[in-house]
Amino acid sequence: MDIPRSKIKGGFTHLKSKIIALRKLGKTHSEIRAIYNVPKSTLSNWLHNLKVSPRIKAKIQKRARKKWLDNNKRNARTRAKKAAELRGIYKKDEIKEIKNVSKKDLKYIGAALYWAEGSVSNRNSLRFGNSNPLMIKTIMKFFRETCNIQDEKIRARIHLYPRINKKNATNFWMKITNLPRANFHPPQIQVSKASKGKRPRNTLPYGTLHLTICNTELTCRVKGWIQGIAEKI
């Protein structure tokens, strides 16, 4: 229990022997100050040259380090929380800036997205693959509303990594694309040569989805939109 300094007569000298005893038992400065409300300067003066056994010294250092690490973790969590809140504010402000997406906007967005993530080398088919559900939703909207492609023309295949549940992955991508199970080819299991099979389990919990549309005319049109965008930039 803390002892108010105002009630300690004659300063803190009468506590010195008790404080030294606590130090020899392995108590840290902070722990001693929690028991006796003694100034840091007084503790440093009394305990500076105090000899303690190697075992007690190691114990004190271990506890002091643990406290330092705990404080660092706590401060890191606080900083991370504040940073996340700030990022959320920035994001929320920019979300409000986008009022609507017109049909023309969707054409530009879809063409640019396909340019970045699609296969532009194919001459007779559109092939798009990604693990990001929002990108898949966007490209599906582009295919349906801008390209006027019927669902039965869109084929899907999931590329999975070992240990990913096939059924869960299929159900997930069916919900994202709003495509029936009949549109899905059997999933393909693959191991990245770069990761040598060491990819963490939850890095891509549903694998990547690859969409294919066999349509030569549409493929040429999308490439034309991409080239048009590139030439106007």
C-alpha atoms as a PDB file:
ATOM      1  CA  MET A   1       0.000   0.000   0.000  1.00  0.00           C
ATOM      2  CA  ASP A   2       1.332   3.437  -0.913  1.00  0.00           C
ATOM      3  CA  ILE A   3       2.413   5.699   1.911  1.00  0.00           C
ATOM      4  CA  PRO A   4       1.645   9.387   1.260  1.00  0.00           C
ATOM      5  CA  ARG A   5       4.863  11.362   1.388  1.00  0.00           C
ATOM      6  CA  SER A   6       3.199  14.035   3.491  1.00  0.00           C
ATOM      7  CA  LYS A   7       2.652  11.452   6.259  1.00  0.00           C
ATOM      8  CA  ILE A   8       6.221  10.174   6.354  1.00  0.00           C
ATOM      9  CA  LYS A   9       8.041  12.042   9.090  1.00  0.00           C
ATOM     10  CA  GLY A  10      11.706  12.712   8.668  1.00  0.00           C
ATOM     11  CA  GLY A  11      11.735  11.910   4.980  1.00  0.00           C
ATOM     12  CA  PHE A  12      12.245   8.343   3.757  1.00  0.00           C
ATOM     13  CA  THR A  13      15.359   7.296   5.650  1.00  0.00           C
ATOM     14  CA  HIS A  14      13.456   4.896   7.895  1.00  0.00           C
ATOM     15  CA  LEU A  15      12.372   2.952   4.781  1.00  0.00           C
ATOM     16  CA  LYS A  16      15.888   2.423   3.436  1.00  0.00           C
ATOM     17  CA  SER A  17      16.495  -0.967   5.074  1.00  0.00           C
ATOM     18  CA  LYS A  18      13.116  -2.276   3.913  1.00  0.00           C
ATOM     19  CA  ILE A  19      13.721  -1.070   0.360  1.00  0.00           C
ATOM     20  CA  ILE A  20      17.188  -2.654   0.241  1.00  0.00           C
ATOM     21  CA  ALA A  21      15.680  -5.912   1.482  1.00  0.00           C
ATOM     22  CA  LEU A  22      13.074  -5.835  -1.273  1.00  0.00           C
ATOM     23  CA  ARG A  23      15.777  -5.169  -3.881  1.00  0.00           C
ATOM     24  CA  LYS A  24      17.778  -8.151  -2.652  1.00  0.00           C
ATOM     25  CA  LEU A  25      14.650 -10.270  -3.108  1.00  0.00           C
ATOM     26  CA  GLY A  26      14.554  -9.263  -6.768  1.00  0.00           C
ATOM     27  CA  LYS A  27      12.029  -6.419  -6.788  1.00  0.00           C
ATOM     28  CA  THR A  28      12.425  -3.845  -9.551  1.00  0.00           C
ATOM     29  CA  HIS A  29      12.461  -0.084  -8.944  1.00  0.00           C
ATOM     30  CA  SER A  30       8.889   0.202 -10.235  1.00  0.00           C
ATOM     31  CA  GLU A  31       7.667  -2.569  -7.969  1.00  0.00           C
ATOM     32  CA  ILE A  32       9.345  -0.980  -4.932  1.00  0.00           C
ATOM     33  CA  ARG A  33       7.822   2.426  -5.761  1.00  0.00           C
ATOM     34  CA  ALA A  34       4.410   0.753  -5.970  1.00  0.00           C
ATOM     35  CA  ILE A  35       4.889  -0.365  -2.355  1.00  0.00           C
ATOM     36  CA  TYR A  36       6.685   2.668  -0.932  1.00  0.00           C
ATOM     37  CA  ASN A  37       6.031   5.982  -2.628  1.00  0.00           C
ATOM     38  CA  VAL A  38       9.708   6.931  -2.708  1.00  0.00           C
ATOM     39  CA  PRO A  39      11.159   9.303  -5.333  1.00  0.00           C
ATOM     40  CA  LYS A  40      13.130   7.731  -8.173  1.00  0.00           C
ATOM     41  CA  SER A  41      16.187   9.781  -7.261  1.00  0.00           C
ATOM     42  CA  THR A  42      16.148   8.386  -3.724  1.00  0.00           C
ATOM     43  CA  LEU A  43      15.897   4.797  -4.971  1.00  0.00           C
ATOM     44  CA  SER A  44      18.730   5.327  -7.442  1.00  0.00           C
ATOM     45  CA  ASN A  45      20.909   6.786  -4.706  1.00  0.00           C
ATOM     46  CA  TRP A  46      20.266   3.938  -2.270  1.00  0.00           C
ATOM     47  CA  LEU A  47      20.402   1.061  -4.737  1.00  0.00           C
ATOM     48  CA  HIS A  48      23.040   2.261  -7.193  1.00  0.00           C
ATOM     49  CA  ASN A  49      25.968   0.399  -5.647  1.00  0.00           C
ATOM     50  CA  LEU A  50      23.965  -2.372  -3.996  1.00  0.00           C
ATOM     51  CA  LYS A  51      25.457  -5.803  -4.625  1.00  0.00           C
ATOM     52  CA  VAL A  52      22.998  -8.604  -5.341  1.00  0.00           C
ATOM     53  CA  SER A  53      23.590 -12.229  -6.233  1.00  0.00           C
ATOM     54  CA  PRO A  54      23.950 -13.116  -9.950  1.00  0.00           C
ATOM     55  CA  ARG A  55      20.698 -15.085  -9.738  1.00  0.00           C
ATOM     56  CA  ILE A  56      18.754 -12.119  -8.363  1.00  0.00           C
ATOM     57  CA  LYS A  57      20.416  -9.751 -10.837  1.00  0.00           C
ATOM     58  CA  ALA A  58      19.391 -12.005 -13.733  1.00  0.00           C
ATOM     59  CA  LYS A  59      15.866 -12.198 -12.310  1.00  0.00           C
ATOM     60  CA  ILE A  60      15.608  -8.411 -12.077  1.00  0.00           C
ATOM     61  CA  GLN A  61      16.927  -7.945 -15.616  1.00  0.00           C
ATOM     62  CA  LYS A  62      14.518 -10.538 -16.990  1.00  0.00           C
ATOM     63  CA  ARG A  63      11.515  -8.887 -15.340  1.00  0.00           C
ATOM     64  CA  ALA A  64      12.648  -5.409 -16.397  1.00  0.00           C
ATOM     65  CA  ARG A  65      13.039  -6.597 -19.982  1.00  0.00           C
ATOM     66  CA  LYS A  66       9.612  -8.243 -19.917  1.00  0.00           C
ATOM     67  CA  LYS A  67       8.055  -5.016 -18.694  1.00  0.00           C
ATOM     68  CA  TRP A  68       9.889  -3.072 -21.413  1.00  0.00           C
ATOM     69  CA  LEU A  69       8.656  -5.490 -24.070  1.00  0.00           C
ATOM     70  CA  ASP A  70       5.103  -5.384 -22.725  1.00  0.00           C
ATOM     71  CA  ASN A  71       5.134  -1.586 -22.789  1.00  0.00           C
ATOM     72  CA  ASN A  72       6.471  -1.608 -26.337  1.00  0.00           C
ATOM     73  CA  LYS A  73       3.758  -4.017 -27.457  1.00  0.00           C
ATOM     74  CA  ARG A  74       1.094  -1.961 -25.726  1.00  0.00           C
ATOM     75  CA  ASN A  75       2.374   1.244 -27.303  1.00  0.00           C
ATOM     76  CA  ALA A  76       2.601  -0.461 -30.706  1.00  0.00           C
ATOM     77  CA  ARG A  77      -1.022  -1.589 -30.434  1.00  0.00           C
ATOM     78  CA  THR A  78      -2.070   1.927 -29.483  1.00  0.00           C
ATOM     79  CA  ARG A  79      -0.175   3.431 -32.420  1.00  0.00           C
ATOM     80  CA  ALA A  80      -1.579   0.810 -34.790  1.00  0.00           C
ATOM     81  CA  LYS A  81      -5.117   1.496 -33.586  1.00  0.00           C
ATOM     82  CA  LYS A  82      -4.735   5.241 -34.055  1.00  0.00           C
ATOM     83  CA  ALA A  83      -3.188   4.732 -37.502  1.00  0.00           C
ATOM     84  CA  ALA A  84      -6.051   2.425 -38.503  1.00  0.00           C
ATOM     85  CA  GLU A  85      -8.602   4.992 -37.323  1.00  0.00           C
ATOM     86  CA  LEU A  86      -6.847   7.693 -39.334  1.00  0.00           C
ATOM     87  CA  ARG A  87      -6.736   5.512 -42.450  1.00  0.00           C
ATOM     88  CA  GLY A  88     -10.438   4.810 -41.973  1.00  0.00           C
ATOM     89  CA  ILE A  89     -11.185   8.540 -41.890  1.00  0.00           C
ATOM     90  CA  TYR A  90      -9.174   9.142 -45.065  1.00  0.00           C
ATOM     91  CA  LYS A  91     -10.901   6.233 -46.802  1.00  0.00           C
ATOM     92  CA  LYS A  92     -14.369   7.305 -45.682  1.00  0.00           C
ATOM     93  CA  ASP A  93     -13.825  10.826 -47.030  1.00  0.00           C
ATOM     94  CA  GLU A  94     -12.719   9.497 -50.424  1.00  0.00           C
ATOM     95  CA  ILE A  95     -15.612   7.030 -50.619  1.00  0.00           C
ATOM     96  CA  LYS A  96     -18.005   9.957 -50.328  1.00  0.00           C
ATOM     97  CA  GLU A  97     -16.205  11.667 -53.223  1.00  0.00           C
ATOM     98  CA  ILE A  98     -17.349   8.931 -55.650  1.00  0.00           C
ATOM     99  CA  LYS A  99     -20.999   9.743 -56.307  1.00  0.00           C
ATOM    100  CA  ASN A 100     -21.811   7.152 -58.977  1.00  0.00           C
ATOM    101  CA  VAL A 101     -20.284   4.994 -61.714  1.00  0.00           C
ATOM    102  CA  SER A 102     -21.783   5.515 -65.164  1.00  0.00           C
ATOM    103  CA  LYS A 103     -21.835   2.966 -68.000  1.00  0.00           C
ATOM    104  CA  LYS A 104     -18.948   4.828 -69.627  1.00  0.00           C
ATOM    105  CA  ASP A 105     -17.025   4.756 -66.341  1.00  0.00           C
ATOM    106  CA  LEU A 106     -17.596   1.005 -66.079  1.00  0.00           C
ATOM    107  CA  LYS A 107     -16.220   0.504 -69.601  1.00  0.00           C
ATOM    108  CA  TYR A 108     -13.043   2.398 -68.740  1.00  0.00           C
ATOM    109  CA  ILE A 109     -12.688   0.705 -65.358  1.00  0.00           C
ATOM    110  CA  GLY A 110     -13.269  -2.774 -66.772  1.00  0.00           C
ATOM    111  CA  ALA A 111     -10.927  -2.273 -69.721  1.00  0.00           C
ATOM    112  CA  ALA A 112      -8.170  -0.896 -67.468  1.00  0.00           C
ATOM    113  CA  LEU A 113      -8.670  -3.721 -64.976  1.00  0.00           C
ATOM    114  CA  TYR A 114      -8.452  -6.312 -67.742  1.00  0.00           C
ATOM    115  CA  TRP A 115      -5.366  -4.545 -69.105  1.00  0.00           C
ATOM    116  CA  ALA A 116      -3.700  -4.915 -65.700  1.00  0.00           C
ATOM    117  CA  GLU A 117      -4.905  -8.364 -64.619  1.00  0.00           C
ATOM    118  CA  GLY A 118      -6.222 -10.089 -67.739  1.00  0.00           C
ATOM    119  CA  SER A 119      -4.431 -12.047 -70.447  1.00  0.00           C
ATOM    120  CA  VAL A 120      -3.984  -9.643 -73.379  1.00  0.00           C
ATOM    121  CA  SER A 121      -1.974 -12.143 -75.437  1.00  0.00           C
ATOM    122  CA  ASN A 122      -4.942 -14.383 -76.276  1.00  0.00           C
ATOM    123  CA  ARG A 123      -6.513 -13.635 -79.642  1.00  0.00           C
ATOM    124  CA  ASN A 124      -9.799 -15.500 -79.329  1.00  0.00           C
ATOM    125  CA  SER A 125     -10.727 -15.426 -75.645  1.00  0.00           C
ATOM    126  CA  LEU A 126     -10.784 -13.222 -72.586  1.00  0.00           C
ATOM    127  CA  ARG A 127      -9.027 -14.687 -69.577  1.00  0.00           C
ATOM    128  CA  PHE A 128      -8.977 -12.968 -66.215  1.00  0.00           C
ATOM    129  CA  GLY A 129      -7.626 -14.294 -62.936  1.00  0.00           C
ATOM    130  CA  ASN A 130      -7.373 -12.847 -59.450  1.00  0.00           C
ATOM    131  CA  SER A 131      -7.740 -13.682 -55.759  1.00  0.00           C
ATOM    132  CA  ASN A 132      -9.382 -10.373 -54.800  1.00  0.00           C
ATOM    133  CA  PRO A 133     -13.185 -10.775 -54.514  1.00  0.00           C
ATOM    134  CA  LEU A 134     -13.778  -7.064 -55.265  1.00  0.00           C
ATOM    135  CA  MET A 135     -11.809  -7.296 -58.505  1.00  0.00           C
ATOM    136  CA  ILE A 136     -13.748 -10.394 -59.534  1.00  0.00           C
ATOM    137  CA  LYS A 137     -17.057  -8.652 -58.775  1.00  0.00           C
ATOM    138  CA  THR A 138     -15.983  -5.625 -60.817  1.00  0.00           C
ATOM    139  CA  ILE A 139     -14.858  -7.625 -63.854  1.00  0.00           C
ATOM    140  CA  MET A 140     -18.057  -9.700 -63.710  1.00  0.00           C
ATOM    141  CA  LYS A 141     -20.115  -6.491 -63.808  1.00  0.00           C
ATOM    142  CA  PHE A 142     -17.998  -5.338 -66.770  1.00  0.00           C
ATOM    143  CA  PHE A 143     -18.553  -8.631 -68.603  1.00  0.00           C
ATOM    144  CA  ARG A 144     -22.287  -8.625 -67.963  1.00  0.00           C
ATOM    145  CA  GLU A 145     -23.227  -4.961 -68.376  1.00  0.00           C
ATOM    146  CA  THR A 146     -20.586  -3.549 -70.735  1.00  0.00           C
ATOM    147  CA  CYS A 147     -19.772  -6.628 -72.817  1.00  0.00           C
ATOM    148  CA  ASN A 148     -23.336  -8.045 -72.653  1.00  0.00           C
ATOM    149  CA  ILE A 149     -22.063 -11.558 -72.020  1.00  0.00           C
ATOM    150  CA  GLN A 150     -24.598 -14.127 -70.841  1.00  0.00           C
ATOM    151  CA  ASP A 151     -23.665 -16.155 -67.778  1.00  0.00           C
ATOM    152  CA  GLU A 152     -23.624 -19.474 -69.659  1.00  0.00           C
ATOM    153  CA  LYS A 153     -20.711 -18.154 -71.767  1.00  0.00           C
ATOM    154  CA  ILE A 154     -18.519 -17.510 -68.712  1.00  0.00           C
ATOM    155  CA  ARG A 155     -16.442 -20.445 -67.521  1.00  0.00           C
ATOM    156  CA  ALA A 156     -14.637 -20.486 -64.190  1.00  0.00           C
ATOM    157  CA  ARG A 157     -11.804 -22.511 -62.686  1.00  0.00           C
ATOM    158  CA  ILE A 158     -10.401 -22.187 -59.182  1.00  0.00           C
ATOM    159  CA  HIS A 159      -6.674 -22.594 -58.656  1.00  0.00           C
ATOM    160  CA  LEU A 160      -6.137 -23.965 -55.171  1.00  0.00           C
ATOM    161  CA  TYR A 161      -3.114 -24.504 -52.992  1.00  0.00           C
ATOM    162  CA  PRO A 162      -2.667 -27.602 -50.823  1.00  0.00           C
ATOM    163  CA  ARG A 163      -4.860 -27.789 -47.707  1.00  0.00           C
ATOM    164  CA  ILE A 164      -7.544 -25.435 -49.095  1.00  0.00           C
ATOM    165  CA  ASN A 165     -11.028 -26.936 -48.864  1.00  0.00           C
ATOM    166  CA  LYS A 166     -12.411 -27.375 -52.407  1.00  0.00           C
ATOM    167  CA  LYS A 167     -16.063 -27.196 -51.399  1.00  0.00           C
ATOM    168  CA  ASN A 168     -15.650 -24.021 -49.340  1.00  0.00           C
ATOM    169  CA  ALA A 169     -13.650 -22.351 -52.109  1.00  0.00           C
ATOM    170  CA  THR A 170     -16.221 -23.262 -54.749  1.00  0.00           C
ATOM    171  CA  ASN A 171     -19.125 -22.001 -52.643  1.00  0.00           C
ATOM    172  CA  PHE A 172     -17.226 -18.766 -51.961  1.00  0.00           C
ATOM    173  CA  TRP A 173     -16.558 -17.985 -55.636  1.00  0.00           C
ATOM    174  CA  MET A 174     -20.079 -19.032 -56.667  1.00  0.00           C
ATOM    175  CA  LYS A 175     -21.396 -16.397 -54.267  1.00  0.00           C
ATOM    176  CA  ILE A 176     -18.937 -13.737 -55.478  1.00  0.00           C
ATOM    177  CA  THR A 177     -19.629 -14.305 -59.186  1.00  0.00           C
ATOM    178  CA  ASN A 178     -23.276 -15.314 -58.868  1.00  0.00           C
ATOM    179  CA  LEU A 179     -22.525 -18.099 -61.339  1.00  0.00           C
ATOM    180  CA  PRO A 180     -24.028 -21.593 -61.054  1.00  0.00           C
ATOM    181  CA  ARG A 181     -21.903 -24.597 -60.142  1.00  0.00           C
ATOM    182  CA  ALA A 182     -22.254 -25.909 -63.711  1.00  0.00           C
ATOM    183  CA  ASN A 183     -20.039 -23.028 -64.910  1.00  0.00           C
ATOM    184  CA  PHE A 184     -17.135 -24.191 -62.770  1.00  0.00           C
ATOM    185  CA  HIS A 185     -14.503 -26.605 -64.044  1.00  0.00           C
ATOM    186  CA  PRO A 186     -12.979 -28.948 -61.442  1.00  0.00           C
ATOM    187  CA  PRO A 187     -10.525 -26.980 -59.254  1.00  0.00           C
ATOM    188  CA  GLN A 188      -6.856 -27.167 -60.111  1.00  0.00           C
ATOM    189  CA  ILE A 189      -4.368 -27.873 -57.342  1.00  0.00           C
ATOM    190  CA  GLN A 190      -1.023 -26.180 -57.764  1.00  0.00           C
ATOM    191  CA  VAL A 191       2.115 -25.555 -55.750  1.00  0.00           C
ATOM    192  CA  SER A 192       4.079 -22.380 -56.352  1.00  0.00           C
ATOM    193  CA  LYS A 193       7.631 -23.159 -57.483  1.00  0.00           C
ATOM    194  CA  ALA A 194       8.821 -19.983 -55.786  1.00  0.00           C
ATOM    195  CA  SER A 195       7.330 -20.889 -52.406  1.00  0.00           C
ATOM    196  CA  LYS A 196       8.314 -24.588 -52.776  1.00  0.00           C
ATOM    197  CA  GLY A 197       5.112 -25.652 -51.078  1.00  0.00           C
ATOM    198  CA  LYS A 198       5.709 -23.460 -48.034  1.00  0.00           C
ATOM    199  CA  ARG A 199       2.937 -20.942 -48.710  1.00  0.00           C
ATOM    200  CA  PRO A 200       1.138 -20.104 -45.413  1.00  0.00           C
ATOM    201  CA  ARG A 201      -2.243 -21.754 -45.125  1.00  0.00           C
ATOM    202  CA  ASN A 202      -4.367 -18.603 -44.940  1.00  0.00           C
ATOM    203  CA  THR A 203      -2.502 -16.394 -47.413  1.00  0.00           C
ATOM    204  CA  LEU A 204      -5.100 -17.185 -50.094  1.00  0.00           C
ATOM    205  CA  PRO A 205      -7.873 -19.003 -48.192  1.00  0.00           C
ATOM    206  CA  TYR A 206      -9.994 -19.474 -51.341  1.00  0.00           C
ATOM    207  CA  GLY A 207      -7.265 -19.667 -53.960  1.00  0.00           C
ATOM    208  CA  THR A 208      -7.511 -17.652 -57.176  1.00  0.00           C
ATOM    209  CA  LEU A 209     -10.415 -17.591 -59.614  1.00  0.00           C
ATOM    210  CA  HIS A 210      -9.814 -17.690 -63.360  1.00  0.00           C
ATOM    211  CA  LEU A 211     -12.578 -16.653 -65.749  1.00  0.00           C
ATOM    212  CA  THR A 212     -12.650 -17.486 -69.456  1.00  0.00           C
ATOM    213  CA  ILE A 213     -14.923 -16.198 -72.239  1.00  0.00           C
ATOM    214  CA  CYS A 214     -14.350 -17.644 -75.714  1.00  0.00           C
ATOM    215  CA  ASN A 215     -15.380 -14.862 -78.062  1.00  0.00           C
ATOM    216  CA  THR A 216     -13.026 -13.526 -80.741  1.00  0.00           C
ATOM    217  CA  GLU A 217     -15.060 -10.394 -81.513  1.00  0.00           C
ATOM    218  CA  LEU A 218     -15.360  -9.382 -77.855  1.00  0.00           C
ATOM    219  CA  THR A 219     -11.657 -10.056 -77.272  1.00  0.00           C
ATOM    220  CA  CYS A 220     -10.776  -7.662 -80.102  1.00  0.00           C
ATOM    221  CA  ARG A 221     -13.200  -5.028 -78.815  1.00  0.00           C
ATOM    222  CA  VAL A 222     -11.772  -5.077 -75.287  1.00  0.00           C
ATOM    223  CA  LYS A 223      -8.238  -4.795 -76.698  1.00  0.00           C
ATOM    224  CA  GLY A 224      -9.456  -1.867 -78.782  1.00  0.00           C
ATOM    225  CA  TRP A 225     -10.801  -0.105 -75.676  1.00  0.00           C
ATOM    226  CA  ILE A 226      -7.489  -0.700 -73.928  1.00  0.00           C
ATOM    227  CA  GLN A 227      -5.537   0.731 -76.851  1.00  0.00           C
ATOM    228  CA  GLY A 228      -7.915   3.691 -77.045  1.00  0.00           C
ATOM    229  CA  ILE A 229      -7.380   4.457 -73.370  1.00  0.00           C
ATOM    230  CA  ALA A 230      -3.601   4.154 -73.764  1.00  0.00           C
ATOM    231  CA  GLU A 231      -3.532   6.527 -76.723  1.00  0.00           C
ATOM    232  CA  LYS A 232      -5.606   9.170 -74.957  1.00  0.00           C
ATOM    233  CA  ILE A 233      -3.540   9.253 -71.777  1.00  0.00           C
END
